[in-house]
Amino acid sequence: MTVKAWIFFFAGALGDSMWVWESVIAEFFAARGVEPEHDAMAQLAQLGMVAGAQSFVQHYRLNESPEQVCACWLAAAREKYATAVKLKPGARAFLLLLREHGVKTAVATAQERQTLLLALEHEEALPLLDEVLTCDEVCQSGKSTPAVYWETARRLGAEPSACLVFEDVAGPAAQAHAGGFGVVGVRDASPAQDHEALAAEADAMIEDYRELLGPDALARLEALLPVAAC
C-alpha cells in the first residue's frame, strides 16, 4: 500500500465521546448559573480544551482561572472515560485490518493524555496503536494546528503525503490539509459538529467505520492521498 500511516483524532472521530463533553459542559455552566451560547460546544470542539477554557473564562467572565476550569472539566470527564466511552462502531475491526496490512496507526488529539488513556485502556485499544500524541505535548496551542500531525507522522516514519488523518471538525481538518495530509471526515451525531463544513474540507466522508471493512475500501482510501505520494 502507498498509505504508510493513519492518524486519528479521538473524541468524535475514533472514540464515541462527544457526549461526555456535552454533559460536562452543561453541568459546568448549570452549577454556575450561566446560560451558555447555543454554539458553546462547537467552539470548544474547534479550540480544544485549553484554548476553550481560556475563551470561556474571558467570554463568560468566570471567577476561575483557565487552569481551574480545565481541572474541573477533567475531573468530571475521567470517570466516564474510564468506564463508558467506547470506540466508534467498526473502529476496532478497522484498526485490526490496518494491522494486518502493516499500516501504522496513531491517535493525535487535543485530549489530555491521562484522560485519553483511560478510554484507550478501557477499550483495550492501546495494542492497536503505534503512537499516542496530544497537542499539549507538541505546541500547547489547541488542536487547530498541523504541528501535532507532523510530529506524529515523524514518529511513525512517514511523510505527510503518505498519511491519512481522520477528523471530525472542519478547522483541524483544514489544518491537516495545510500540513500536506489527506483527510477523511468522520460524521458524528453531536450537534457540535458542522457536517457541511467538515464535508467541504475533507477528501471523503464516512458515517461509520464499517464502511471501510469491504475488500476495496483501503484502495479507495489510498486514492485520497495527495498527489505527491502516488
Protein backbone atom coordinates (compact mmCIF):
# COMPACT_ATOMS: atom_id res chain seq x y z
CA MET A 1 0.00 0.00 0.00
CA THR A 2 1.03 3.60 -0.59
CA VAL A 3 -0.52 4.69 2.69
CA LYS A 4 2.06 4.30 5.42
CA ALA A 5 0.23 5.75 8.41
CA TRP A 6 -3.29 6.51 9.59
CA ILE A 7 -3.74 9.21 12.20
CA PHE A 8 -6.95 9.51 14.20
CA PHE A 9 -8.32 12.33 16.27
CA PHE A 10 -10.05 10.71 19.23
CA ALA A 11 -13.18 12.50 20.50
CA GLY A 12 -15.79 12.36 17.76
CA ALA A 13 -13.56 10.61 15.22
CA LEU A 14 -12.20 7.34 16.68
CA GLY A 15 -13.98 7.45 20.03
CA ASP A 16 -17.68 7.95 20.70
CA SER A 17 -17.05 10.50 23.42
CA MET A 18 -18.52 13.87 22.42
CA TRP A 19 -21.50 13.10 24.65
CA VAL A 20 -19.13 13.19 27.64
CA TRP A 21 -18.08 16.75 26.91
CA GLU A 22 -21.63 17.85 26.20
CA SER A 23 -22.62 16.53 29.64
CA VAL A 24 -19.56 18.03 31.36
CA ILE A 25 -20.06 21.48 29.83
CA ALA A 26 -23.80 21.51 30.55
CA GLU A 27 -23.21 20.57 34.20
CA PHE A 28 -20.38 23.10 34.48
CA PHE A 29 -22.47 26.04 33.33
CA ALA A 30 -25.56 24.93 35.28
CA ALA A 31 -23.57 24.83 38.51
CA ARG A 32 -22.54 28.44 37.91
CA GLY A 33 -25.93 29.70 36.87
CA VAL A 34 -24.66 30.64 33.42
CA GLU A 35 -26.64 30.16 30.20
CA PRO A 36 -24.10 29.20 27.53
CA GLU A 37 -24.48 30.26 23.93
CA HIS A 38 -26.01 27.64 21.65
CA ASP A 39 -22.69 27.01 19.89
CA ALA A 40 -20.55 26.66 23.03
CA MET A 41 -19.75 23.00 22.33
CA ALA A 42 -18.90 23.76 18.70
CA GLN A 43 -16.49 26.45 19.91
CA LEU A 44 -14.88 24.02 22.33
CA ALA A 45 -14.56 21.38 19.60
CA GLN A 46 -12.76 23.88 17.36
CA LEU A 47 -10.49 25.36 20.02
CA GLY A 48 -9.58 22.32 22.11
CA MET A 49 -9.79 22.17 25.88
CA VAL A 50 -7.02 24.58 26.94
CA ALA A 51 -7.82 27.35 24.47
CA GLY A 52 -11.54 26.70 25.03
CA ALA A 53 -11.18 27.19 28.78
CA GLN A 54 -9.30 30.45 28.20
CA SER A 55 -12.01 31.66 25.84
CA PHE A 56 -14.86 30.69 28.18
CA VAL A 57 -13.27 32.36 31.22
CA GLN A 58 -12.98 35.61 29.31
CA HIS A 59 -16.27 35.48 27.42
CA TYR A 60 -18.47 34.43 30.35
CA ARG A 61 -16.44 36.39 32.92
CA LEU A 62 -15.94 33.36 35.14
CA ASN A 63 -14.33 33.80 38.54
CA GLU A 64 -11.90 30.95 37.86
CA SER A 65 -8.63 30.59 36.03
CA PRO A 66 -8.44 28.60 32.80
CA GLU A 67 -6.36 26.04 34.71
CA GLN A 68 -9.10 25.64 37.32
CA VAL A 69 -11.73 25.27 34.59
CA CYS A 70 -9.69 22.57 32.82
CA ALA A 71 -9.19 20.72 36.11
CA CYS A 72 -12.92 20.83 36.77
CA TRP A 73 -13.75 19.51 33.31
CA LEU A 74 -11.18 16.73 33.52
CA ALA A 75 -12.33 15.56 36.95
CA ALA A 76 -15.90 15.31 35.64
CA ALA A 77 -14.87 13.54 32.44
CA ARG A 78 -12.43 10.94 33.72
CA GLU A 79 -14.92 8.57 35.30
CA LYS A 80 -16.91 8.42 32.07
CA TYR A 81 -13.76 7.93 30.00
CA ALA A 82 -12.65 5.10 32.28
CA THR A 83 -15.96 3.22 32.22
CA ALA A 84 -18.33 4.32 29.46
CA VAL A 85 -16.51 5.75 26.43
CA LYS A 86 -16.25 3.30 23.54
CA LEU A 87 -14.64 3.22 20.14
CA LYS A 88 -16.96 4.11 17.29
CA PRO A 89 -18.78 1.24 15.57
CA GLY A 90 -16.42 -0.73 13.36
CA ALA A 91 -13.33 1.15 14.60
CA ARG A 92 -11.74 -1.85 16.33
CA ALA A 93 -12.22 -4.07 13.28
CA PHE A 94 -10.78 -1.31 11.08
CA LEU A 95 -7.70 -0.93 13.28
CA LEU A 96 -7.19 -4.70 13.18
CA LEU A 97 -7.48 -4.63 9.38
CA LEU A 98 -4.80 -1.94 9.18
CA ARG A 99 -2.58 -4.06 11.43
CA GLU A 100 -2.98 -6.97 9.03
CA HIS A 101 -1.85 -4.75 6.14
CA GLY A 102 1.16 -3.40 8.01
CA VAL A 103 -0.14 0.18 8.19
CA LYS A 104 0.99 2.14 11.24
CA THR A 105 -1.67 3.84 13.35
CA ALA A 106 -1.72 6.67 15.86
CA VAL A 107 -4.02 8.87 17.89
CA ALA A 108 -3.12 12.56 17.64
CA THR A 109 -5.54 14.66 19.61
CA ALA A 110 -6.20 17.67 21.81
CA GLN A 111 -7.45 15.41 24.59
CA GLU A 112 -5.42 15.46 27.80
CA ARG A 113 -3.26 12.34 27.89
CA GLN A 114 -4.30 10.83 31.22
CA THR A 115 -7.99 11.09 30.36
CA LEU A 116 -7.45 9.76 26.85
CA LEU A 117 -5.51 6.74 28.11
CA LEU A 118 -8.39 5.83 30.42
CA ALA A 119 -10.63 5.27 27.41
CA LEU A 120 -7.98 3.55 25.29
CA GLU A 121 -7.18 1.16 28.14
CA HIS A 122 -10.86 0.55 28.89
CA GLU A 123 -11.43 -0.37 25.23
CA GLU A 124 -8.16 -2.35 25.05
CA ALA A 125 -7.15 -0.22 22.07
CA LEU A 126 -3.56 0.65 23.00
CA PRO A 127 -2.09 -2.54 21.45
CA LEU A 128 -3.67 -1.47 18.14
CA LEU A 129 -1.84 1.87 18.07
CA ASP A 130 1.81 2.62 17.35
CA GLU A 131 1.74 6.14 18.83
CA VAL A 132 -0.43 8.32 21.06
CA LEU A 133 0.33 12.04 20.95
CA THR A 134 -1.53 15.02 22.38
CA CYS A 135 -1.39 18.62 21.21
CA ASP A 136 -0.16 19.97 24.53
CA GLU A 137 2.89 17.69 24.23
CA VAL A 138 3.78 19.39 20.94
CA CYS A 139 2.75 23.02 20.84
CA GLN A 140 0.24 23.89 23.60
CA SER A 141 -1.83 25.89 21.15
CA GLY A 142 -5.01 23.86 20.80
CA LYS A 143 -5.79 21.29 18.17
CA SER A 144 -6.20 23.54 15.12
CA THR A 145 -2.57 23.23 14.04
CA PRO A 146 -0.73 20.80 11.77
CA ALA A 147 2.16 20.55 14.24
CA VAL A 148 0.70 17.58 16.12
CA TYR A 149 0.13 15.73 12.85
CA TRP A 150 3.63 16.50 11.59
CA GLU A 151 5.19 15.19 14.78
CA THR A 152 3.00 12.08 14.72
CA ALA A 153 3.98 11.36 11.11
CA ARG A 154 7.65 11.84 12.01
CA ARG A 155 7.37 9.35 14.86
CA LEU A 156 5.67 6.87 12.53
CA GLY A 157 8.42 7.30 9.95
CA ALA A 158 6.08 8.61 7.25
CA GLU A 159 5.83 11.74 5.13
CA PRO A 160 2.57 13.70 5.48
CA SER A 161 1.74 12.89 1.85
CA ALA A 162 1.69 9.18 2.79
CA CYS A 163 -0.69 9.68 5.73
CA LEU A 164 -4.44 9.94 6.10
CA VAL A 165 -5.92 11.91 9.01
CA PHE A 166 -9.36 11.03 10.35
CA GLU A 167 -11.02 14.17 11.78
CA ASP A 168 -14.48 15.21 12.97
CA VAL A 169 -14.06 19.02 13.00
CA ALA A 170 -13.63 21.26 9.95
CA GLY A 171 -10.96 23.58 11.39
CA PRO A 172 -8.45 20.88 12.30
CA ALA A 173 -9.26 19.09 9.04
CA ALA A 174 -8.24 22.26 7.19
CA GLN A 175 -5.03 22.43 9.22
CA ALA A 176 -4.25 18.80 8.39
CA HIS A 177 -4.72 19.63 4.70
CA ALA A 178 -2.45 22.64 5.11
CA GLY A 179 0.15 20.30 6.56
CA GLY A 180 0.09 18.11 3.46
CA PHE A 181 -2.09 15.24 4.73
CA GLY A 182 -5.07 13.53 3.16
CA VAL A 183 -8.19 13.95 5.29
CA VAL A 184 -11.16 11.68 5.96
CA GLY A 185 -14.08 13.31 7.75
CA VAL A 186 -15.92 11.19 10.31
CA ARG A 187 -19.55 12.11 10.84
CA ASP A 188 -20.62 12.41 14.47
CA ALA A 189 -24.08 12.76 15.96
CA SER A 190 -23.01 15.61 18.22
CA PRO A 191 -24.72 18.95 17.49
CA ALA A 192 -21.26 20.50 17.89
CA GLN A 193 -20.23 19.09 14.52
CA ASP A 194 -20.77 21.26 11.44
CA HIS A 195 -21.36 18.42 8.99
CA GLU A 196 -21.40 20.60 5.89
CA ALA A 197 -18.19 22.44 6.77
CA LEU A 198 -16.39 19.17 7.50
CA ALA A 199 -17.64 17.56 4.30
CA ALA A 200 -16.47 20.58 2.31
CA GLU A 201 -12.98 20.33 3.80
CA ALA A 202 -12.45 16.56 3.83
CA ASP A 203 -11.33 14.49 0.86
CA ALA A 204 -14.00 11.95 1.78
CA MET A 205 -16.63 11.42 4.47
CA ILE A 206 -17.65 8.29 6.35
CA GLU A 207 -20.66 7.71 8.54
CA ASP A 208 -19.30 4.58 10.15
CA TYR A 209 -16.02 2.62 10.14
CA ARG A 210 -17.91 -0.44 8.98
CA GLU A 211 -17.97 1.24 5.57
CA LEU A 212 -14.21 0.66 5.43
CA LEU A 213 -14.21 -3.08 6.01
CA GLY A 214 -15.07 -4.10 2.44
CA PRO A 215 -12.49 -5.64 0.09
CA ASP A 216 -11.88 -2.41 -1.85
CA ALA A 217 -12.17 0.10 1.00
CA LEU A 218 -8.44 0.51 1.63
CA ALA A 219 -7.76 1.00 -2.07
CA ARG A 220 -10.43 3.71 -2.22
CA LEU A 221 -8.89 5.48 0.74
CA GLU A 222 -5.41 5.19 -0.74
CA ALA A 223 -6.67 7.15 -3.75
CA LEU A 224 -7.32 10.11 -1.43
CA LEU A 225 -3.62 10.68 -0.74
CA PRO A 226 -2.03 13.88 -2.01
CA VAL A 227 -0.53 13.51 -5.50
CA ALA A 228 3.00 13.62 -4.09
CA ALA A 229 2.56 10.21 -2.52
CA CYS A 230 1.32 8.46 -5.63
